[in-house]
Amino acid sequence: MTRIDTSEKAFERQIKELAHVFHWKYYHTWTSIHSPRGFLDVVMTRRERLIFAELKSDRGKLTAFQEQWVDALKKTGAEVYVWRPGDFSHIVEILR
């Protein structure tokens, strides 16, 4: 397994590159200053699939607001994930 840089910023770049390789439309807010608190980091779509993902370091914890968004989005039937660098091989399989 490839060693993944564990900073959230570097991890986000790796997910963005992976999304590009597998032809996903990818959205990540540049700055969240005017966004709702806790909205997840990444939105991706390809064909009929819609993914929301919160990207965390291996030790990062969800805030209460992020947990609320995760719960609300899961109720819609969309794919919702909390991804960490240690999950990289599983993320590849999801996006393949």
PDB file of N, CA and C in Angstrom:
ATOM      1  N   MET A   1       0.839  -1.185   0.000  1.00  0.00           N
ATOM      2  CA  MET A   1       0.000   0.000   0.000  1.00  0.00           C
ATOM      3  C   MET A   1       0.884   1.248   0.000  1.00  0.00           C
ATOM      4  N   THR A   2       0.491   2.261  -0.747  1.00  0.00           N
ATOM      5  CA  THR A   2       1.238   3.498  -0.846  1.00  0.00           C
ATOM      6  C   THR A   2       1.082   4.309   0.422  1.00  0.00           C
ATOM      7  N   ARG A   3       2.161   4.914   0.879  1.00  0.00           N
ATOM      8  CA  ARG A   3       2.116   5.782   2.055  1.00  0.00           C
ATOM      9  C   ARG A   3       1.470   7.099   1.656  1.00  0.00           C
ATOM     10  N   ILE A   4       0.477   7.531   2.422  1.00  0.00           N
ATOM     11  CA  ILE A   4      -0.269   8.744   2.117  1.00  0.00           C
ATOM     12  C   ILE A   4       0.113   9.836   3.106  1.00  0.00           C
ATOM     13  N   ASP A   5       0.388  11.055   2.609  1.00  0.00           N
ATOM     14  CA  ASP A   5       0.637  12.198   3.479  1.00  0.00           C
ATOM     15  C   ASP A   5      -0.614  12.419   4.321  1.00  0.00           C
ATOM     16  N   THR A   6      -0.462  12.577   5.620  1.00  0.00           N
ATOM     17  CA  THR A   6      -1.623  12.583   6.495  1.00  0.00           C
ATOM     18  C   THR A   6      -2.189  13.972   6.796  1.00  0.00           C
ATOM     19  N   SER A   7      -1.616  15.062   6.287  1.00  0.00           N
ATOM     20  CA  SER A   7      -2.236  16.367   6.518  1.00  0.00           C
ATOM     21  C   SER A   7      -3.527  16.432   5.707  1.00  0.00           C
ATOM     22  N   GLU A   8      -4.530  17.109   6.268  1.00  0.00           N
ATOM     23  CA  GLU A   8      -5.820  17.187   5.567  1.00  0.00           C
ATOM     24  C   GLU A   8      -5.692  17.896   4.220  1.00  0.00           C
ATOM     25  N   LYS A   9      -4.876  18.931   4.144  1.00  0.00           N
ATOM     26  CA  LYS A   9      -4.709  19.667   2.892  1.00  0.00           C
ATOM     27  C   LYS A   9      -4.094  18.773   1.810  1.00  0.00           C
ATOM     28  N   ALA A  10      -3.045  18.041   2.150  1.00  0.00           N
ATOM     29  CA  ALA A  10      -2.415  17.133   1.185  1.00  0.00           C
ATOM     30  C   ALA A  10      -3.367  15.994   0.830  1.00  0.00           C
ATOM     31  N   PHE A  11      -4.087  15.500   1.805  1.00  0.00           N
ATOM     32  CA  PHE A  11      -5.053  14.429   1.572  1.00  0.00           C
ATOM     33  C   PHE A  11      -6.137  14.896   0.608  1.00  0.00           C
ATOM     34  N   GLU A  12      -6.617  16.113   0.777  1.00  0.00           N
ATOM     35  CA  GLU A  12      -7.637  16.662  -0.133  1.00  0.00           C
ATOM     36  C   GLU A  12      -7.107  16.717  -1.555  1.00  0.00           C
ATOM     37  N   ARG A  13      -5.859  17.125  -1.738  1.00  0.00           N
ATOM     38  CA  ARG A  13      -5.264  17.153  -3.086  1.00  0.00           C
ATOM     39  C   ARG A  13      -5.231  15.747  -3.689  1.00  0.00           C
ATOM     40  N   GLN A  14      -4.900  14.746  -2.868  1.00  0.00           N
ATOM     41  CA  GLN A  14      -4.848  13.374  -3.360  1.00  0.00           C
ATOM     42  C   GLN A  14      -6.235  12.869  -3.767  1.00  0.00           C
ATOM     43  N   ILE A  15      -7.250  13.219  -2.990  1.00  0.00           N
ATOM     44  CA  ILE A  15      -8.620  12.822  -3.344  1.00  0.00           C
ATOM     45  C   ILE A  15      -9.052  13.520  -4.626  1.00  0.00           C
ATOM     46  N   LYS A  16      -8.711  14.781  -4.770  1.00  0.00           N
ATOM     47  CA  LYS A  16      -9.045  15.524  -5.988  1.00  0.00           C
ATOM     48  C   LYS A  16      -8.396  14.875  -7.213  1.00  0.00           C
ATOM     49  N   GLU A  17      -7.135  14.517  -7.095  1.00  0.00           N
ATOM     50  CA  GLU A  17      -6.441  13.847  -8.205  1.00  0.00           C
ATOM     51  C   GLU A  17      -7.093  12.503  -8.528  1.00  0.00           C
ATOM     52  N   LEU A  18      -7.446  11.759  -7.506  1.00  0.00           N
ATOM     53  CA  LEU A  18      -8.106  10.466  -7.692  1.00  0.00           C
ATOM     54  C   LEU A  18      -9.448  10.646  -8.398  1.00  0.00           C
ATOM     55  N   ALA A  19     -10.205  11.652  -7.977  1.00  0.00           N
ATOM     56  CA  ALA A  19     -11.494  11.937  -8.617  1.00  0.00           C
ATOM     57  C   ALA A  19     -11.293  12.259 -10.102  1.00  0.00           C
ATOM     58  N   HIS A  20     -10.266  13.016 -10.404  1.00  0.00           N
ATOM     59  CA  HIS A  20      -9.975  13.345 -11.802  1.00  0.00           C
ATOM     60  C   HIS A  20      -9.652  12.082 -12.603  1.00  0.00           C
ATOM     61  N   VAL A  21      -8.838  11.214 -12.060  1.00  0.00           N
ATOM     62  CA  VAL A  21      -8.451   9.973 -12.745  1.00  0.00           C
ATOM     63  C   VAL A  21      -9.681   9.139 -13.082  1.00  0.00           C
ATOM     64  N   PHE A  22     -10.650   9.097 -12.160  1.00  0.00           N
ATOM     65  CA  PHE A  22     -11.843   8.271 -12.366  1.00  0.00           C
ATOM     66  C   PHE A  22     -13.035   9.053 -12.922  1.00  0.00           C
ATOM     67  N   HIS A  23     -12.789  10.282 -13.399  1.00  0.00           N
ATOM     68  CA  HIS A  23     -13.780  11.081 -14.133  1.00  0.00           C
ATOM     69  C   HIS A  23     -14.988  11.507 -13.290  1.00  0.00           C
ATOM     70  N   TRP A  24     -14.743  11.906 -12.059  1.00  0.00           N
ATOM     71  CA  TRP A  24     -15.796  12.466 -11.205  1.00  0.00           C
ATOM     72  C   TRP A  24     -15.789  13.980 -11.344  1.00  0.00           C
ATOM     73  N   LYS A  25     -16.971  14.598 -11.333  1.00  0.00           N
ATOM     74  CA  LYS A  25     -17.060  16.045 -11.145  1.00  0.00           C
ATOM     75  C   LYS A  25     -16.774  16.256  -9.668  1.00  0.00           C
ATOM     76  N   TYR A  26     -15.949  17.233  -9.351  1.00  0.00           N
ATOM     77  CA  TYR A  26     -15.416  17.388  -7.995  1.00  0.00           C
ATOM     78  C   TYR A  26     -15.607  18.814  -7.525  1.00  0.00           C
ATOM     79  N   TYR A  27     -16.090  18.971  -6.299  1.00  0.00           N
ATOM     80  CA  TYR A  27     -16.231  20.303  -5.717  1.00  0.00           C
ATOM     81  C   TYR A  27     -15.675  20.308  -4.296  1.00  0.00           C
ATOM     82  N   HIS A  28     -14.858  21.294  -4.031  1.00  0.00           N
ATOM     83  CA  HIS A  28     -14.326  21.539  -2.685  1.00  0.00           C
ATOM     84  C   HIS A  28     -14.338  23.045  -2.483  1.00  0.00           C
ATOM     85  N   THR A  29     -14.973  23.511  -1.417  1.00  0.00           N
ATOM     86  CA  THR A  29     -15.046  24.944  -1.150  1.00  0.00           C
ATOM     87  C   THR A  29     -13.653  25.500  -0.872  1.00  0.00           C
ATOM     88  N   TRP A  30     -13.301  26.575  -1.573  1.00  0.00           N
ATOM     89  CA  TRP A  30     -11.986  27.184  -1.400  1.00  0.00           C
ATOM     90  C   TRP A  30     -11.819  27.720   0.017  1.00  0.00           C
ATOM     91  N   THR A  31     -12.826  28.444   0.475  1.00  0.00           N
ATOM     92  CA  THR A  31     -12.831  28.957   1.840  1.00  0.00           C
ATOM     93  C   THR A  31     -14.249  28.831   2.379  1.00  0.00           C
ATOM     94  N   SER A  32     -14.378  28.397   3.603  1.00  0.00           N
ATOM     95  CA  SER A  32     -15.711  28.126   4.143  1.00  0.00           C
ATOM     96  C   SER A  32     -16.263  29.284   4.979  1.00  0.00           C
ATOM     97  N   ILE A  33     -15.695  30.455   4.849  1.00  0.00           N
ATOM     98  CA  ILE A  33     -16.082  31.602   5.682  1.00  0.00           C
ATOM     99  C   ILE A  33     -17.584  31.871   5.622  1.00  0.00           C
ATOM    100  N   HIS A  34     -18.180  31.820   4.450  1.00  0.00           N
ATOM    101  CA  HIS A  34     -19.606  32.123   4.299  1.00  0.00           C
ATOM    102  C   HIS A  34     -20.465  30.880   4.084  1.00  0.00           C
ATOM    103  N   SER A  35     -19.911  29.718   4.331  1.00  0.00           N
ATOM    104  CA  SER A  35     -20.647  28.457   4.167  1.00  0.00           C
ATOM    105  C   SER A  35     -21.281  28.055   5.494  1.00  0.00           C
ATOM    106  N   PRO A  36     -22.328  27.220   5.437  1.00  0.00           N
ATOM    107  CA  PRO A  36     -22.925  26.719   6.687  1.00  0.00           C
ATOM    108  C   PRO A  36     -21.889  25.948   7.509  1.00  0.00           C
ATOM    109  N   ARG A  37     -21.925  26.133   8.804  1.00  0.00           N
ATOM    110  CA  ARG A  37     -20.976  25.440   9.685  1.00  0.00           C
ATOM    111  C   ARG A  37     -21.111  23.931   9.534  1.00  0.00           C
ATOM    112  N   GLY A  38     -19.984  23.278   9.374  1.00  0.00           N
ATOM    113  CA  GLY A  38     -19.954  21.828   9.359  1.00  0.00           C
ATOM    114  C   GLY A  38     -20.230  21.173   8.021  1.00  0.00           C
ATOM    115  N   PHE A  39     -20.560  21.966   6.965  1.00  0.00           N
ATOM    116  CA  PHE A  39     -20.830  21.318   5.675  1.00  0.00           C
ATOM    117  C   PHE A  39     -19.591  20.544   5.246  1.00  0.00           C
ATOM    118  N   LEU A  40     -19.807  19.382   4.659  1.00  0.00           N
ATOM    119  CA  LEU A  40     -18.719  18.465   4.353  1.00  0.00           C
ATOM    120  C   LEU A  40     -17.761  19.034   3.304  1.00  0.00           C
ATOM    121  N   ASP A  41     -16.533  18.537   3.306  1.00  0.00           N
ATOM    122  CA  ASP A  41     -15.447  19.084   2.492  1.00  0.00           C
ATOM    123  C   ASP A  41     -15.634  18.917   0.994  1.00  0.00           C
ATOM    124  N   VAL A  42     -16.151  17.774   0.579  1.00  0.00           N
ATOM    125  CA  VAL A  42     -16.120  17.413  -0.833  1.00  0.00           C
ATOM    126  C   VAL A  42     -17.493  16.930  -1.302  1.00  0.00           C
ATOM    127  N   VAL A  43     -17.858  17.358  -2.517  1.00  0.00           N
ATOM    128  CA  VAL A  43     -19.040  16.843  -3.204  1.00  0.00           C
ATOM    129  C   VAL A  43     -18.557  16.347  -4.564  1.00  0.00           C
ATOM    130  N   MET A  44     -18.941  15.124  -4.916  1.00  0.00           N
ATOM    131  CA  MET A  44     -18.553  14.541  -6.198  1.00  0.00           C
ATOM    132  C   MET A  44     -19.759  13.877  -6.846  1.00  0.00           C
ATOM    133  N   THR A  45     -19.785  13.929  -8.157  1.00  0.00           N
ATOM    134  CA  THR A  45     -20.836  13.234  -8.876  1.00  0.00           C
ATOM    135  C   THR A  45     -20.272  12.614 -10.153  1.00  0.00           C
ATOM    136  N   ARG A  46     -20.827  11.470 -10.472  1.00  0.00           N
ATOM    137  CA  ARG A  46     -20.499  10.778 -11.721  1.00  0.00           C
ATOM    138  C   ARG A  46     -21.711   9.934 -12.072  1.00  0.00           C
ATOM    139  N   ARG A  47     -22.218  10.147 -13.278  1.00  0.00           N
ATOM    140  CA  ARG A  47     -23.431   9.475 -13.727  1.00  0.00           C
ATOM    141  C   ARG A  47     -24.521   9.625 -12.655  1.00  0.00           C
ATOM    142  N   GLU A  48     -25.069   8.527 -12.139  1.00  0.00           N
ATOM    143  CA  GLU A  48     -26.191   8.598 -11.201  1.00  0.00           C
ATOM    144  C   GLU A  48     -25.751   8.657  -9.739  1.00  0.00           C
ATOM    145  N   ARG A  49     -24.464   8.728  -9.493  1.00  0.00           N
ATOM    146  CA  ARG A  49     -23.963   8.709  -8.107  1.00  0.00           C
ATOM    147  C   ARG A  49     -23.640  10.114  -7.606  1.00  0.00           C
ATOM    148  N   LEU A  50     -23.907  10.318  -6.323  1.00  0.00           N
ATOM    149  CA  LEU A  50     -23.601  11.568  -5.643  1.00  0.00           C
ATOM    150  C   LEU A  50     -22.921  11.223  -4.330  1.00  0.00           C
ATOM    151  N   ILE A  51     -21.737  11.780  -4.125  1.00  0.00           N
ATOM    152  CA  ILE A  51     -20.956  11.497  -2.926  1.00  0.00           C
ATOM    153  C   ILE A  51     -20.669  12.789  -2.180  1.00  0.00           C
ATOM    154  N   PHE A  52     -20.862  12.743  -0.876  1.00  0.00           N
ATOM    155  CA  PHE A  52     -20.418  13.789   0.039  1.00  0.00           C
ATOM    156  C   PHE A  52     -19.357  13.149   0.923  1.00  0.00           C
ATOM    157  N   ALA A  53     -18.241  13.842   1.117  1.00  0.00           N
ATOM    158  CA  ALA A  53     -17.185  13.276   1.953  1.00  0.00           C
ATOM    159  C   ALA A  53     -16.570  14.350   2.841  1.00  0.00           C
ATOM    160  N   GLU A  54     -16.382  13.999   4.086  1.00  0.00           N
ATOM    161  CA  GLU A  54     -15.612  14.829   5.011  1.00  0.00           C
ATOM    162  C   GLU A  54     -14.227  14.204   5.094  1.00  0.00           C
ATOM    163  N   LEU A  55     -13.204  15.015   4.904  1.00  0.00           N
ATOM    164  CA  LEU A  55     -11.836  14.533   4.910  1.00  0.00           C
ATOM    165  C   LEU A  55     -11.189  14.900   6.235  1.00  0.00           C
ATOM    166  N   LYS A  56     -10.657  13.902   6.899  1.00  0.00           N
ATOM    167  CA  LYS A  56     -10.038  14.101   8.204  1.00  0.00           C
ATOM    168  C   LYS A  56      -8.661  13.457   8.218  1.00  0.00           C
ATOM    169  N   SER A  57      -7.795  13.988   9.056  1.00  0.00           N
ATOM    170  CA  SER A  57      -6.527  13.305   9.304  1.00  0.00           C
ATOM    171  C   SER A  57      -6.861  12.003  10.031  1.00  0.00           C
ATOM    172  N   ASP A  58      -5.901  11.135  10.161  1.00  0.00           N
ATOM    173  CA  ASP A  58      -6.169   9.862  10.821  1.00  0.00           C
ATOM    174  C   ASP A  58      -6.651  10.041  12.259  1.00  0.00           C
ATOM    175  N   ARG A  59      -6.303  11.148  12.891  1.00  0.00           N
ATOM    176  CA  ARG A  59      -6.726  11.392  14.277  1.00  0.00           C
ATOM    177  C   ARG A  59      -7.816  12.447  14.393  1.00  0.00           C
ATOM    178  N   GLY A  60      -8.208  13.057  13.277  1.00  0.00           N
ATOM    179  CA  GLY A  60      -9.190  14.133  13.305  1.00  0.00           C
ATOM    180  C   GLY A  60     -10.569  13.651  13.732  1.00  0.00           C
ATOM    181  N   LYS A  61     -11.291  14.503  14.418  1.00  0.00           N
ATOM    182  CA  LYS A  61     -12.633  14.174  14.903  1.00  0.00           C
ATOM    183  C   LYS A  61     -13.655  15.082  14.235  1.00  0.00           C
ATOM    184  N   LEU A  62     -14.853  14.537  13.998  1.00  0.00           N
ATOM    185  CA  LEU A  62     -15.943  15.341  13.469  1.00  0.00           C
ATOM    186  C   LEU A  62     -16.424  16.317  14.529  1.00  0.00           C
ATOM    187  N   THR A  63     -16.777  17.528  14.101  1.00  0.00           N
ATOM    188  CA  THR A  63     -17.430  18.464  15.003  1.00  0.00           C
ATOM    189  C   THR A  63     -18.899  18.076  15.115  1.00  0.00           C
ATOM    190  N   ALA A  64     -19.584  18.635  16.080  1.00  0.00           N
ATOM    191  CA  ALA A  64     -21.023  18.377  16.221  1.00  0.00           C
ATOM    192  C   ALA A  64     -21.766  18.809  14.965  1.00  0.00           C
ATOM    193  N   PHE A  65     -21.378  19.943  14.369  1.00  0.00           N
ATOM    194  CA  PHE A  65     -22.038  20.416  13.151  1.00  0.00           C
ATOM    195  C   PHE A  65     -21.783  19.458  11.979  1.00  0.00           C
ATOM    196  N   GLN A  66     -20.577  18.919  11.871  1.00  0.00           N
ATOM    197  CA  GLN A  66     -20.287  17.945  10.816  1.00  0.00           C
ATOM    198  C   GLN A  66     -21.098  16.675  11.016  1.00  0.00           C
ATOM    199  N   GLU A  67     -21.221  16.224  12.248  1.00  0.00           N
ATOM    200  CA  GLU A  67     -22.040  15.041  12.529  1.00  0.00           C
ATOM    201  C   GLU A  67     -23.492  15.273  12.117  1.00  0.00           C
ATOM    202  N   GLN A  68     -24.010  16.465  12.368  1.00  0.00           N
ATOM    203  CA  GLN A  68     -25.384  16.789  11.967  1.00  0.00           C
ATOM    204  C   GLN A  68     -25.538  16.737  10.452  1.00  0.00           C
ATOM    205  N   TRP A  69     -24.554  17.287   9.716  1.00  0.00           N
ATOM    206  CA  TRP A  69     -24.604  17.226   8.257  1.00  0.00           C
ATOM    207  C   TRP A  69     -24.520  15.787   7.753  1.00  0.00           C
ATOM    208  N   VAL A  70     -23.620  14.998   8.331  1.00  0.00           N
ATOM    209  CA  VAL A  70     -23.489  13.593   7.925  1.00  0.00           C
ATOM    210  C   VAL A  70     -24.828  12.890   8.106  1.00  0.00           C
ATOM    211  N   ASP A  71     -25.452  13.052   9.258  1.00  0.00           N
ATOM    212  CA  ASP A  71     -26.741  12.404   9.528  1.00  0.00           C
ATOM    213  C   ASP A  71     -27.819  12.874   8.558  1.00  0.00           C
ATOM    214  N   ALA A  72     -27.910  14.181   8.334  1.00  0.00           N
ATOM    215  CA  ALA A  72     -28.937  14.728   7.441  1.00  0.00           C
ATOM    216  C   ALA A  72     -28.745  14.244   6.007  1.00  0.00           C
ATOM    217  N   LEU A  73     -27.508  14.239   5.524  1.00  0.00           N
ATOM    218  CA  LEU A  73     -27.245  13.815   4.150  1.00  0.00           C
ATOM    219  C   LEU A  73     -27.472  12.321   3.963  1.00  0.00           C
ATOM    220  N   LYS A  74     -27.129  11.511   4.957  1.00  0.00           N
ATOM    221  CA  LYS A  74     -27.367  10.066   4.855  1.00  0.00           C
ATOM    222  C   LYS A  74     -28.850   9.765   4.699  1.00  0.00           C
ATOM    223  N   LYS A  75     -29.696  10.563   5.312  1.00  0.00           N
ATOM    224  CA  LYS A  75     -31.154  10.347   5.225  1.00  0.00           C
ATOM    225  C   LYS A  75     -31.675  10.552   3.814  1.00  0.00           C
ATOM    226  N   THR A  76     -30.922  11.242   2.954  1.00  0.00           N
ATOM    227  CA  THR A  76     -31.367  11.473   1.579  1.00  0.00           C
ATOM    228  C   THR A  76     -31.095  10.283   0.669  1.00  0.00           C
ATOM    229  N   GLY A  77     -30.276   9.365   1.130  1.00  0.00           N
ATOM    230  CA  GLY A  77     -29.894   8.235   0.292  1.00  0.00           C
ATOM    231  C   GLY A  77     -28.603   8.468  -0.476  1.00  0.00           C
ATOM    232  N   ALA A  78     -28.019   9.648  -0.364  1.00  0.00           N
ATOM    233  CA  ALA A  78     -26.732   9.915  -1.015  1.00  0.00           C
ATOM    234  C   ALA A  78     -25.644   9.106  -0.307  1.00  0.00           C
ATOM    235  N   GLU A  79     -24.544   8.907  -1.006  1.00  0.00           N
ATOM    236  CA  GLU A  79     -23.390   8.263  -0.381  1.00  0.00           C
ATOM    237  C   GLU A  79     -22.667   9.313   0.450  1.00  0.00           C
ATOM    238  N   VAL A  80     -22.461   9.014   1.717  1.00  0.00           N
ATOM    239  CA  VAL A  80     -21.822   9.965   2.630  1.00  0.00           C
ATOM    240  C   VAL A  80     -20.696   9.234   3.359  1.00  0.00           C
ATOM    241  N   TYR A  81     -19.517   9.848   3.344  1.00  0.00           N
ATOM    242  CA  TYR A  81     -18.347   9.200   3.927  1.00  0.00           C
ATOM    243  C   TYR A  81     -17.548  10.171   4.793  1.00  0.00           C
ATOM    244  N   VAL A  82     -16.851   9.620   5.753  1.00  0.00           N
ATOM    245  CA  VAL A  82     -15.783  10.314   6.458  1.00  0.00           C
ATOM    246  C   VAL A  82     -14.524   9.547   6.078  1.00  0.00           C
ATOM    247  N   TRP A  83     -13.676  10.205   5.302  1.00  0.00           N
ATOM    248  CA  TRP A  83     -12.488   9.550   4.777  1.00  0.00           C
ATOM    249  C   TRP A  83     -11.233  10.046   5.479  1.00  0.00           C
ATOM    250  N   ARG A  84     -10.324   9.096   5.724  1.00  0.00           N
ATOM    251  CA  ARG A  84      -9.040   9.384   6.353  1.00  0.00           C
ATOM    252  C   ARG A  84      -7.940   8.786   5.488  1.00  0.00           C
ATOM    253  N   PRO A  85      -6.724   9.304   5.595  1.00  0.00           N
ATOM    254  CA  PRO A  85      -5.628   8.761   4.776  1.00  0.00           C
ATOM    255  C   PRO A  85      -5.485   7.243   4.890  1.00  0.00           C
ATOM    256  N   GLY A  86      -5.740   6.693   6.040  1.00  0.00           N
ATOM    257  CA  GLY A  86      -5.635   5.244   6.206  1.00  0.00           C
ATOM    258  C   GLY A  86      -6.673   4.457   5.430  1.00  0.00           C
ATOM    259  N   ASP A  87      -7.708   5.163   4.907  1.00  0.00           N
ATOM    260  CA  ASP A  87      -8.777   4.524   4.127  1.00  0.00           C
ATOM    261  C   ASP A  87      -8.497   4.561   2.623  1.00  0.00           C
ATOM    262  N   PHE A  88      -7.301   4.996   2.228  1.00  0.00           N
ATOM    263  CA  PHE A  88      -7.063   5.303   0.822  1.00  0.00           C
ATOM    264  C   PHE A  88      -7.394   4.162  -0.131  1.00  0.00           C
ATOM    265  N   SER A  89      -6.990   2.940   0.172  1.00  0.00           N
ATOM    266  CA  SER A  89      -7.265   1.833  -0.755  1.00  0.00           C
ATOM    267  C   SER A  89      -8.767   1.594  -0.885  1.00  0.00           C
ATOM    268  N   HIS A  90      -9.517   1.785   0.186  1.00  0.00           N
ATOM    269  CA  HIS A  90     -10.978   1.649   0.133  1.00  0.00           C
ATOM    270  C   HIS A  90     -11.594   2.793  -0.691  1.00  0.00           C
ATOM    271  N   ILE A  91     -11.045   3.987  -0.567  1.00  0.00           N
ATOM    272  CA  ILE A  91     -11.523   5.137  -1.345  1.00  0.00           C
ATOM    273  C   ILE A  91     -11.321   4.880  -2.832  1.00  0.00           C
ATOM    274  N   VAL A  92     -10.179   4.318  -3.190  1.00  0.00           N
ATOM    275  CA  VAL A  92      -9.918   3.970  -4.596  1.00  0.00           C
ATOM    276  C   VAL A  92     -11.007   3.051  -5.110  1.00  0.00           C
ATOM    277  N   GLU A  93     -11.377   2.039  -4.340  1.00  0.00           N
ATOM    278  CA  GLU A  93     -12.424   1.102  -4.765  1.00  0.00           C
ATOM    279  C   GLU A  93     -13.783   1.799  -4.909  1.00  0.00           C
ATOM    280  N   ILE A  94     -14.095   2.712  -4.018  1.00  0.00           N
ATOM    281  CA  ILE A  94     -15.372   3.441  -4.097  1.00  0.00           C
ATOM    282  C   ILE A  94     -15.428   4.294  -5.361  1.00  0.00           C
ATOM    283  N   LEU A  95     -14.335   4.947  -5.690  1.00  0.00           N
ATOM    284  CA  LEU A  95     -14.330   5.875  -6.820  1.00  0.00           C
ATOM    285  C   LEU A  95     -14.023   5.220  -8.164  1.00  0.00           C
ATOM    286  N   ARG A  96     -13.537   3.996  -8.156  1.00  0.00           N
ATOM    287  CA  ARG A  96     -13.155   3.319  -9.396  1.00  0.00           C
ATOM    288  C   ARG A  96     -14.322   3.183 -10.344  1.00  0.00           C
TER     289      ARG A  96
END
